[in-house]
């Protein structure tokens, strides 16, 4: 099997894991709230879910992305 030397790391970084975790928690809480008809919590979880994207971007800019200065594995 050939080895891909241009492997970008597939998002294995603090920034990506944080963003995905925030989004997953927001969706899970929002689903629970929707199921039990808790409209304010549905909207709060929607906002929380959307905030996962800027959190990942800010962490990447801070050096926690793939190949970042503060990242453990510099690909």
PDB file of N, CA and C in Angstrom:
ATOM      1  N   UNK A   1       0.845  -1.164   0.000  1.00  0.00           N
ATOM      2  CA  UNK A   1       0.000   0.000   0.000  1.00  0.00           C
ATOM      3  C   UNK A   1       0.897   1.236   0.000  1.00  0.00           C
ATOM      4  N   UNK A   2       0.515   2.241  -0.751  1.00  0.00           N
ATOM      5  CA  UNK A   2       1.337   3.439  -0.848  1.00  0.00           C
ATOM      6  C   UNK A   2       1.105   4.352   0.352  1.00  0.00           C
ATOM      7  N   UNK A   3       2.115   5.116   0.682  1.00  0.00           N
ATOM      8  CA  UNK A   3       2.024   6.036   1.815  1.00  0.00           C
ATOM      9  C   UNK A   3       1.791   7.444   1.293  1.00  0.00           C
ATOM     10  N   UNK A   4       0.835   8.136   1.876  1.00  0.00           N
ATOM     11  CA  UNK A   4       0.527   9.497   1.468  1.00  0.00           C
ATOM     12  C   UNK A   4       1.390  10.450   2.293  1.00  0.00           C
ATOM     13  N   UNK A   5       2.386  11.048   1.678  1.00  0.00           N
ATOM     14  CA  UNK A   5       3.289  11.933   2.402  1.00  0.00           C
ATOM     15  C   UNK A   5       2.712  13.330   2.596  1.00  0.00           C
ATOM     16  N   UNK A   6       1.609  13.627   1.953  1.00  0.00           N
ATOM     17  CA  UNK A   6       0.965  14.934   2.084  1.00  0.00           C
ATOM     18  C   UNK A   6      -0.249  14.863   2.993  1.00  0.00           C
ATOM     19  N   UNK A   7      -0.223  13.965   3.963  1.00  0.00           N
ATOM     20  CA  UNK A   7      -1.339  13.769   4.874  1.00  0.00           C
ATOM     21  C   UNK A   7      -1.519  15.009   5.746  1.00  0.00           C
ATOM     22  N   UNK A   8      -2.685  15.676   5.685  1.00  0.00           N
ATOM     23  CA  UNK A   8      -2.881  16.898   6.462  1.00  0.00           C
ATOM     24  C   UNK A   8      -3.148  16.652   7.949  1.00  0.00           C
ATOM     25  N   UNK A   9      -3.271  15.410   8.378  1.00  0.00           N
ATOM     26  CA  UNK A   9      -3.507  15.119   9.782  1.00  0.00           C
ATOM     27  C   UNK A   9      -4.959  14.828  10.103  1.00  0.00           C
ATOM     28  N   UNK A  10      -5.853  15.009   9.182  1.00  0.00           N
ATOM     29  CA  UNK A  10      -7.277  14.694   9.331  1.00  0.00           C
ATOM     30  C   UNK A  10      -7.904  15.361  10.550  1.00  0.00           C
ATOM     31  N   UNK A  11      -7.447  16.548  10.893  1.00  0.00           N
ATOM     32  CA  UNK A  11      -8.057  17.295  11.974  1.00  0.00           C
ATOM     33  C   UNK A  11      -7.712  16.794  13.358  1.00  0.00           C
ATOM     34  N   UNK A  12      -6.632  16.054  13.492  1.00  0.00           N
ATOM     35  CA  UNK A  12      -6.233  15.530  14.793  1.00  0.00           C
ATOM     36  C   UNK A  12      -5.506  16.625  15.575  1.00  0.00           C
ATOM     37  N   UNK A  13      -6.282  17.542  16.146  1.00  0.00           N
ATOM     38  CA  UNK A  13      -5.708  18.670  16.880  1.00  0.00           C
ATOM     39  C   UNK A  13      -6.660  19.100  17.985  1.00  0.00           C
ATOM     40  N   UNK A  14      -6.138  19.883  18.900  1.00  0.00           N
ATOM     41  CA  UNK A  14      -6.961  20.414  19.993  1.00  0.00           C
ATOM     42  C   UNK A  14      -8.094  21.262  19.428  1.00  0.00           C
ATOM     43  N   UNK A  15      -7.808  22.065  18.424  1.00  0.00           N
ATOM     44  CA  UNK A  15      -8.822  22.946  17.842  1.00  0.00           C
ATOM     45  C   UNK A  15      -9.982  22.151  17.255  1.00  0.00           C
ATOM     46  N   UNK A  16      -9.667  21.134  16.477  1.00  0.00           N
ATOM     47  CA  UNK A  16     -10.740  20.369  15.837  1.00  0.00           C
ATOM     48  C   UNK A  16     -11.519  19.534  16.845  1.00  0.00           C
ATOM     49  N   UNK A  17     -10.824  18.920  17.793  1.00  0.00           N
ATOM     50  CA  UNK A  17     -11.518  18.118  18.801  1.00  0.00           C
ATOM     51  C   UNK A  17     -12.427  18.994  19.665  1.00  0.00           C
ATOM     52  N   UNK A  18     -11.990  20.180  20.000  1.00  0.00           N
ATOM     53  CA  UNK A  18     -12.806  21.088  20.798  1.00  0.00           C
ATOM     54  C   UNK A  18     -14.049  21.521  20.029  1.00  0.00           C
ATOM     55  N   UNK A  19     -13.858  21.901  18.773  1.00  0.00           N
ATOM     56  CA  UNK A  19     -14.997  22.330  17.950  1.00  0.00           C
ATOM     57  C   UNK A  19     -16.016  21.208  17.791  1.00  0.00           C
ATOM     58  N   UNK A  20     -15.553  20.019  17.495  1.00  0.00           N
ATOM     59  CA  UNK A  20     -16.463  18.891  17.287  1.00  0.00           C
ATOM     60  C   UNK A  20     -17.175  18.530  18.593  1.00  0.00           C
ATOM     61  N   UNK A  21     -16.467  18.577  19.706  1.00  0.00           N
ATOM     62  CA  UNK A  21     -17.094  18.259  20.993  1.00  0.00           C
ATOM     63  C   UNK A  21     -18.184  19.263  21.337  1.00  0.00           C
ATOM     64  N   UNK A  22     -17.909  20.548  21.140  1.00  0.00           N
ATOM     65  CA  UNK A  22     -18.921  21.581  21.409  1.00  0.00           C
ATOM     66  C   UNK A  22     -20.144  21.358  20.531  1.00  0.00           C
ATOM     67  N   UNK A  23     -19.929  21.088  19.263  1.00  0.00           N
ATOM     68  CA  UNK A  23     -21.044  20.877  18.330  1.00  0.00           C
ATOM     69  C   UNK A  23     -21.851  19.638  18.717  1.00  0.00           C
ATOM     70  N   UNK A  24     -21.162  18.552  19.060  1.00  0.00           N
ATOM     71  CA  UNK A  24     -21.873  17.319  19.426  1.00  0.00           C
ATOM     72  C   UNK A  24     -22.690  17.483  20.703  1.00  0.00           C
ATOM     73  N   UNK A  25     -22.127  18.163  21.700  1.00  0.00           N
ATOM     74  CA  UNK A  25     -22.873  18.389  22.944  1.00  0.00           C
ATOM     75  C   UNK A  25     -24.090  19.276  22.671  1.00  0.00           C
ATOM     76  N   UNK A  26     -23.910  20.309  21.860  1.00  0.00           N
ATOM     77  CA  UNK A  26     -25.027  21.184  21.520  1.00  0.00           C
ATOM     78  C   UNK A  26     -26.152  20.447  20.817  1.00  0.00           C
ATOM     79  N   UNK A  27     -25.799  19.587  19.884  1.00  0.00           N
ATOM     80  CA  UNK A  27     -26.823  18.813  19.159  1.00  0.00           C
ATOM     81  C   UNK A  27     -27.509  17.825  20.096  1.00  0.00           C
ATOM     82  N   UNK A  28     -26.747  17.167  20.963  1.00  0.00           N
ATOM     83  CA  UNK A  28     -27.342  16.195  21.889  1.00  0.00           C
ATOM     84  C   UNK A  28     -28.305  16.875  22.865  1.00  0.00           C
ATOM     85  N   UNK A  29     -27.880  17.987  23.446  1.00  0.00           N
ATOM     86  CA  UNK A  29     -28.753  18.707  24.385  1.00  0.00           C
ATOM     87  C   UNK A  29     -29.965  19.261  23.653  1.00  0.00           C
ATOM     88  N   UNK A  30     -29.757  19.780  22.448  1.00  0.00           N
ATOM     89  CA  UNK A  30     -30.873  20.309  21.663  1.00  0.00           C
ATOM     90  C   UNK A  30     -31.880  19.238  21.302  1.00  0.00           C
ATOM     91  N   UNK A  31     -31.403  18.058  20.981  1.00  0.00           N
ATOM     92  CA  UNK A  31     -32.305  16.946  20.661  1.00  0.00           C
ATOM     93  C   UNK A  31     -33.122  16.557  21.887  1.00  0.00           C
ATOM     94  N   UNK A  32     -32.447  16.443  23.025  1.00  0.00           N
ATOM     95  CA  UNK A  32     -33.128  16.132  24.280  1.00  0.00           C
ATOM     96  C   UNK A  32     -34.185  17.193  24.588  1.00  0.00           C
ATOM     97  N   UNK A  33     -33.810  18.462  24.467  1.00  0.00           N
ATOM     98  CA  UNK A  33     -34.732  19.562  24.772  1.00  0.00           C
ATOM     99  C   UNK A  33     -35.917  19.584  23.809  1.00  0.00           C
ATOM    100  N   UNK A  34     -35.656  19.300  22.543  1.00  0.00           N
ATOM    101  CA  UNK A  34     -36.738  19.267  21.555  1.00  0.00           C
ATOM    102  C   UNK A  34     -37.714  18.135  21.878  1.00  0.00           C
ATOM    103  N   UNK A  35     -37.163  17.001  22.267  1.00  0.00           N
ATOM    104  CA  UNK A  35     -37.992  15.827  22.578  1.00  0.00           C
ATOM    105  C   UNK A  35     -38.939  16.124  23.739  1.00  0.00           C
ATOM    106  N   UNK A  36     -38.446  16.871  24.744  1.00  0.00           N
ATOM    107  CA  UNK A  36     -39.254  17.187  25.915  1.00  0.00           C
ATOM    108  C   UNK A  36     -39.896  18.568  25.847  1.00  0.00           C
ATOM    109  N   UNK A  37     -39.921  19.154  24.656  1.00  0.00           N
ATOM    110  CA  UNK A  37     -40.614  20.414  24.398  1.00  0.00           C
ATOM    111  C   UNK A  37     -40.136  21.549  25.307  1.00  0.00           C
ATOM    112  N   UNK A  38     -38.805  21.709  25.385  1.00  0.00           N
ATOM    113  CA  UNK A  38     -38.189  22.767  26.178  1.00  0.00           C
ATOM    114  C   UNK A  38     -37.594  23.799  25.219  1.00  0.00           C
ATOM    115  N   UNK A  39     -38.461  24.640  24.666  1.00  0.00           N
ATOM    116  CA  UNK A  39     -38.075  25.564  23.598  1.00  0.00           C
ATOM    117  C   UNK A  39     -36.892  26.478  23.951  1.00  0.00           C
ATOM    118  N   UNK A  40     -36.836  27.071  25.132  1.00  0.00           N
ATOM    119  CA  UNK A  40     -35.680  27.936  25.431  1.00  0.00           C
ATOM    120  C   UNK A  40     -34.350  27.165  25.398  1.00  0.00           C
ATOM    121  N   UNK A  41     -34.380  25.937  25.873  1.00  0.00           N
ATOM    122  CA  UNK A  41     -33.171  25.124  25.863  1.00  0.00           C
ATOM    123  C   UNK A  41     -32.798  24.693  24.446  1.00  0.00           C
ATOM    124  N   UNK A  42     -33.787  24.503  23.594  1.00  0.00           N
ATOM    125  CA  UNK A  42     -33.507  24.190  22.185  1.00  0.00           C
ATOM    126  C   UNK A  42     -32.750  25.352  21.549  1.00  0.00           C
ATOM    127  N   UNK A  43     -33.226  26.563  21.770  1.00  0.00           N
ATOM    128  CA  UNK A  43     -32.572  27.735  21.178  1.00  0.00           C
ATOM    129  C   UNK A  43     -31.189  27.976  21.785  1.00  0.00           C
ATOM    130  N   UNK A  44     -31.069  27.756  23.081  1.00  0.00           N
ATOM    131  CA  UNK A  44     -29.765  27.927  23.734  1.00  0.00           C
ATOM    132  C   UNK A  44     -28.758  26.911  23.185  1.00  0.00           C
ATOM    133  N   UNK A  45     -29.199  25.693  22.973  1.00  0.00           N
ATOM    134  CA  UNK A  45     -28.286  24.675  22.438  1.00  0.00           C
ATOM    135  C   UNK A  45     -27.958  24.959  20.975  1.00  0.00           C
ATOM    136  N   UNK A  46     -28.878  25.573  20.246  1.00  0.00           N
ATOM    137  CA  UNK A  46     -28.592  25.952  18.859  1.00  0.00           C
ATOM    138  C   UNK A  46     -27.490  27.003  18.822  1.00  0.00           C
ATOM    139  N   UNK A  47     -27.567  27.973  19.712  1.00  0.00           N
ATOM    140  CA  UNK A  47     -26.519  29.003  19.799  1.00  0.00           C
ATOM    141  C   UNK A  47     -25.202  28.367  20.207  1.00  0.00           C
ATOM    142  N   UNK A  48     -25.224  27.476  21.194  1.00  0.00           N
ATOM    143  CA  UNK A  48     -24.027  26.780  21.656  1.00  0.00           C
ATOM    144  C   UNK A  48     -23.392  25.975  20.519  1.00  0.00           C
ATOM    145  N   UNK A  49     -24.229  25.307  19.726  1.00  0.00           N
ATOM    146  CA  UNK A  49     -23.735  24.511  18.606  1.00  0.00           C
ATOM    147  C   UNK A  49     -23.039  25.392  17.578  1.00  0.00           C
ATOM    148  N   UNK A  50     -23.635  26.511  17.245  1.00  0.00           N
ATOM    149  CA  UNK A  50     -23.053  27.420  16.260  1.00  0.00           C
ATOM    150  C   UNK A  50     -21.724  27.998  16.771  1.00  0.00           C
ATOM    151  N   UNK A  51     -21.603  28.201  18.073  1.00  0.00           N
ATOM    152  CA  UNK A  51     -20.371  28.747  18.642  1.00  0.00           C
ATOM    153  C   UNK A  51     -19.199  27.764  18.575  1.00  0.00           C
ATOM    154  N   UNK A  52     -19.478  26.505  18.268  1.00  0.00           N
ATOM    155  CA  UNK A  52     -18.404  25.529  18.121  1.00  0.00           C
ATOM    156  C   UNK A  52     -17.482  25.857  16.959  1.00  0.00           C
ATOM    157  N   UNK A  53     -18.019  26.403  15.891  1.00  0.00           N
ATOM    158  CA  UNK A  53     -17.212  26.728  14.706  1.00  0.00           C
ATOM    159  C   UNK A  53     -16.214  27.854  15.007  1.00  0.00           C
ATOM    160  N   UNK A  54     -16.652  29.008  15.537  1.00  0.00           N
ATOM    161  CA  UNK A  54     -15.659  30.040  15.850  1.00  0.00           C
ATOM    162  C   UNK A  54     -14.658  29.598  16.925  1.00  0.00           C
ATOM    163  N   UNK A  55     -15.090  28.733  17.842  1.00  0.00           N
ATOM    164  CA  UNK A  55     -14.156  28.243  18.858  1.00  0.00           C
ATOM    165  C   UNK A  55     -13.009  27.485  18.201  1.00  0.00           C
ATOM    166  N   UNK A  56     -13.335  26.636  17.237  1.00  0.00           N
ATOM    167  CA  UNK A  56     -12.295  25.902  16.514  1.00  0.00           C
ATOM    168  C   UNK A  56     -11.383  26.823  15.719  1.00  0.00           C
ATOM    169  N   UNK A  57     -11.975  27.815  15.084  1.00  0.00           N
ATOM    170  CA  UNK A  57     -11.184  28.757  14.287  1.00  0.00           C
ATOM    171  C   UNK A  57     -10.251  29.572  15.184  1.00  0.00           C
ATOM    172  N   UNK A  58     -10.771  30.040  16.309  1.00  0.00           N
ATOM    173  CA  UNK A  58      -9.937  30.819  17.228  1.00  0.00           C
ATOM    174  C   UNK A  58      -8.800  29.979  17.814  1.00  0.00           C
ATOM    175  N   UNK A  59      -9.084  28.728  18.144  1.00  0.00           N
ATOM    176  CA  UNK A  59      -8.024  27.860  18.661  1.00  0.00           C
ATOM    177  C   UNK A  59      -6.978  27.566  17.588  1.00  0.00           C
ATOM    178  N   UNK A  60      -7.422  27.429  16.355  1.00  0.00           N
ATOM    179  CA  UNK A  60      -6.463  27.201  15.267  1.00  0.00           C
ATOM    180  C   UNK A  60      -5.553  28.415  15.102  1.00  0.00           C
ATOM    181  N   UNK A  61      -6.139  29.594  15.140  1.00  0.00           N
ATOM    182  CA  UNK A  61      -5.347  30.824  15.023  1.00  0.00           C
ATOM    183  C   UNK A  61      -4.407  31.009  16.209  1.00  0.00           C
ATOM    184  N   UNK A  62      -4.775  30.447  17.363  1.00  0.00           N
ATOM    185  CA  UNK A  62      -3.938  30.550  18.559  1.00  0.00           C
ATOM    186  C   UNK A  62      -2.798  29.532  18.537  1.00  0.00           C
ATOM    187  N   UNK A  63      -2.764  28.676  17.520  1.00  0.00           N
ATOM    188  CA  UNK A  63      -1.662  27.726  17.389  1.00  0.00           C
ATOM    189  C   UNK A  63      -1.987  26.308  17.784  1.00  0.00           C
ATOM    190  N   UNK A  64      -3.261  26.004  18.026  1.00  0.00           N
ATOM    191  CA  UNK A  64      -3.650  24.666  18.441  1.00  0.00           C
ATOM    192  C   UNK A  64      -4.200  23.811  17.300  1.00  0.00           C
ATOM    193  N   UNK A  65      -4.083  24.267  16.075  1.00  0.00           N
ATOM    194  CA  UNK A  65      -4.537  23.501  14.920  1.00  0.00           C
ATOM    195  C   UNK A  65      -3.469  22.526  14.463  1.00  0.00           C
ATOM    196  N   UNK A  66      -3.756  21.791  13.391  1.00  0.00           N
ATOM    197  CA  UNK A  66      -2.794  20.844  12.837  1.00  0.00           C
ATOM    198  C   UNK A  66      -1.559  21.604  12.392  1.00  0.00           C
ATOM    199  N   UNK A  67      -0.400  21.216  12.920  1.00  0.00           N
ATOM    200  CA  UNK A  67       0.853  21.870  12.562  1.00  0.00           C
ATOM    201  C   UNK A  67       1.081  23.193  13.278  1.00  0.00           C
ATOM    202  N   UNK A  68       0.230  23.526  14.237  1.00  0.00           N
ATOM    203  CA  UNK A  68       0.374  24.790  14.958  1.00  0.00           C
ATOM    204  C   UNK A  68       1.542  24.778  15.925  1.00  0.00           C
ATOM    205  N   UNK A  69       1.911  25.966  16.361  1.00  0.00           N
ATOM    206  CA  UNK A  69       3.058  26.108  17.263  1.00  0.00           C
ATOM    207  C   UNK A  69       2.846  25.423  18.605  1.00  0.00           C
ATOM    208  N   UNK A  70       1.618  25.392  19.078  1.00  0.00           N
ATOM    209  CA  UNK A  70       1.326  24.812  20.385  1.00  0.00           C
ATOM    210  C   UNK A  70       0.787  23.387  20.270  1.00  0.00           C
ATOM    211  N   UNK A  71       0.742  22.852  19.073  1.00  0.00           N
ATOM    212  CA  UNK A  71       0.241  21.516  18.823  1.00  0.00           C
ATOM    213  C   UNK A  71       1.298  20.474  19.173  1.00  0.00           C
ATOM    214  N   UNK A  72       0.877  19.339  19.687  1.00  0.00           N
ATOM    215  CA  UNK A  72       1.824  18.278  20.035  1.00  0.00           C
ATOM    216  C   UNK A  72       2.481  17.674  18.808  1.00  0.00           C
ATOM    217  N   UNK A  73       1.662  17.368  17.795  1.00  0.00           N
ATOM    218  CA  UNK A  73       2.205  16.721  16.602  1.00  0.00           C
ATOM    219  C   UNK A  73       2.222  17.725  15.446  1.00  0.00           C
ATOM    220  N   UNK A  74       3.393  18.181  15.124  1.00  0.00           N
ATOM    221  CA  UNK A  74       3.572  19.083  13.987  1.00  0.00           C
ATOM    222  C   UNK A  74       3.783  18.257  12.735  1.00  0.00           C
ATOM    223  N   UNK A  75       2.732  18.107  11.968  1.00  0.00           N
ATOM    224  CA  UNK A  75       2.825  17.284  10.747  1.00  0.00           C
ATOM    225  C   UNK A  75       3.634  17.956   9.710  1.00  0.00           C
TER     226      UNK A  75
END
